[in-house]
């Protein structure tokens, strides 16, 4: 986290991957307010990992409508997430324990989507 924060600098406009990386770091540490901030910076509707971040924050906030919207966006963008969310997350998040947690939390956010699997 310190290396990433130093690399992005203060006041810079960050690319989506930087915000997602910071989101993951804060989320994994349980720093939901900071994770929420970085998720909110992922404004592209077509960046699937931005949708993942928004789904997880919405779940943490108890916002079922936003969870549903984000999960449906993920599935519309990349249908392979329905059957293999962990594999898809692992394409970007290579730390297995973190990818496992993100996949677990995503499944928990919308159990009806994955209940048939």
Protein backbone atom coordinates (compact mmCIF):
# COMPACT_ATOMS: atom_id res chain seq x y z
CA UNK A 1 0.00 0.00 0.00
CA UNK A 2 2.78 2.44 0.87
CA UNK A 3 4.56 1.78 -2.41
CA UNK A 4 1.35 2.26 -4.37
CA UNK A 5 0.49 5.47 -2.51
CA UNK A 6 4.00 6.80 -3.14
CA UNK A 7 3.83 5.85 -6.81
CA UNK A 8 0.56 7.64 -7.48
CA UNK A 9 1.52 10.82 -5.66
CA UNK A 10 -0.75 13.42 -4.15
CA UNK A 11 -3.40 15.20 -6.16
CA UNK A 12 -2.83 13.17 -9.30
CA UNK A 13 -5.65 11.92 -11.48
CA UNK A 14 -5.33 8.17 -11.21
CA UNK A 15 -6.11 5.52 -13.78
CA UNK A 16 -8.79 3.00 -12.89
CA UNK A 17 -6.30 0.25 -12.14
CA UNK A 18 -4.69 2.43 -9.46
CA UNK A 19 -8.03 3.10 -7.78
CA UNK A 20 -8.91 -0.59 -7.97
CA UNK A 21 -5.58 -1.57 -6.42
CA UNK A 22 -6.08 0.92 -3.62
CA UNK A 23 -9.66 -0.31 -3.21
CA UNK A 24 -8.42 -3.90 -2.82
CA UNK A 25 -5.76 -2.92 -0.31
CA UNK A 26 -8.15 -0.98 1.86
CA UNK A 27 -10.94 -3.56 1.50
CA UNK A 28 -8.62 -6.39 2.50
CA UNK A 29 -7.61 -4.42 5.60
CA UNK A 30 -11.23 -3.76 6.53
CA UNK A 31 -10.83 -0.03 5.86
CA UNK A 32 -14.26 0.32 4.32
CA UNK A 33 -14.41 4.13 4.24
CA UNK A 34 -11.18 4.31 2.23
CA UNK A 35 -12.25 1.37 0.05
CA UNK A 36 -15.58 3.13 -0.57
CA UNK A 37 -13.74 6.26 -1.74
CA UNK A 38 -11.66 4.34 -4.29
CA UNK A 39 -14.69 2.35 -5.47
CA UNK A 40 -16.50 5.65 -6.06
CA UNK A 41 -13.66 6.81 -8.28
CA UNK A 42 -14.20 3.83 -10.61
CA UNK A 43 -16.85 5.55 -12.70
CA UNK A 44 -16.64 3.59 -15.95
CA UNK A 45 -19.70 1.43 -16.43
CA UNK A 46 -17.65 -0.96 -18.59
CA UNK A 47 -14.76 -1.63 -16.18
CA UNK A 48 -15.78 -4.95 -14.66
CA UNK A 49 -13.47 -4.56 -11.67
CA UNK A 50 -15.07 -1.20 -10.93
CA UNK A 51 -18.42 -2.97 -10.88
CA UNK A 52 -16.93 -5.58 -8.53
CA UNK A 53 -15.73 -2.84 -6.17
CA UNK A 54 -19.12 -1.14 -6.23
CA UNK A 55 -20.93 -4.45 -5.58
CA UNK A 56 -18.75 -5.21 -2.57
CA UNK A 57 -19.15 -1.73 -1.10
CA UNK A 58 -22.90 -1.81 -1.71
CA UNK A 59 -23.03 -5.15 0.10
CA UNK A 60 -21.05 -3.72 3.02
CA UNK A 61 -23.48 -0.78 3.09
CA UNK A 62 -26.58 -3.00 2.89
CA UNK A 63 -27.65 -1.47 -0.44
CA UNK A 64 -29.32 -4.46 -2.14
CA UNK A 65 -30.46 -2.45 -5.17
CA UNK A 66 -26.91 -1.30 -5.93
CA UNK A 67 -25.57 -4.82 -5.37
CA UNK A 68 -28.08 -6.13 -7.90
CA UNK A 69 -27.26 -3.38 -10.41
CA UNK A 70 -23.51 -3.96 -10.11
CA UNK A 71 -23.75 -7.76 -10.27
CA UNK A 72 -26.01 -7.59 -13.31
CA UNK A 73 -23.51 -5.20 -14.95
CA UNK A 74 -20.67 -7.65 -14.24
CA UNK A 75 -22.61 -10.50 -15.82
CA UNK A 76 -23.60 -8.40 -18.82
CA UNK A 77 -20.01 -7.31 -19.40
CA UNK A 78 -18.42 -10.72 -18.86
CA UNK A 79 -20.87 -13.63 -18.59
CA UNK A 80 -18.06 -16.00 -17.59
CA UNK A 81 -18.19 -14.44 -14.11
CA UNK A 82 -21.46 -16.30 -13.44
CA UNK A 83 -19.76 -19.69 -13.35
CA UNK A 84 -16.22 -18.71 -12.42
CA UNK A 85 -16.03 -15.45 -10.45
CA UNK A 86 -12.90 -16.56 -8.58
CA UNK A 87 -11.09 -17.40 -11.81
CA UNK A 88 -12.07 -14.06 -13.33
CA UNK A 89 -10.99 -12.11 -10.24
CA UNK A 90 -7.72 -14.07 -10.23
CA UNK A 91 -6.87 -12.71 -13.67
CA UNK A 92 -6.10 -9.38 -12.02
CA UNK A 93 -5.71 -10.16 -8.32
CA UNK A 94 -2.94 -12.73 -8.16
CA UNK A 95 -2.72 -13.01 -4.35
CA UNK A 96 -4.83 -16.12 -3.82
CA UNK A 97 -6.12 -15.27 -0.31
CA UNK A 98 -7.28 -11.85 -1.47
CA UNK A 99 -8.85 -13.17 -4.67
CA UNK A 100 -10.58 -15.88 -2.61
CA UNK A 101 -11.99 -13.28 -0.22
CA UNK A 102 -13.22 -11.01 -3.02
CA UNK A 103 -14.91 -13.96 -4.74
CA UNK A 104 -16.43 -15.15 -1.46
CA UNK A 105 -17.76 -11.69 -0.66
CA UNK A 106 -19.10 -11.25 -4.18
CA UNK A 107 -20.97 -14.55 -3.93
CA UNK A 108 -22.29 -13.52 -0.51
CA UNK A 109 -23.49 -10.19 -1.91
CA UNK A 110 -25.91 -11.87 -4.31
CA UNK A 111 -26.37 -15.51 -3.31
CA UNK A 112 -29.34 -16.01 -5.66
CA UNK A 113 -27.06 -15.41 -8.66
CA UNK A 114 -24.70 -18.22 -7.65
CA UNK A 115 -27.07 -20.55 -5.75
CA UNK A 116 -27.58 -22.82 -8.74
CA UNK A 117 -23.85 -23.43 -9.15
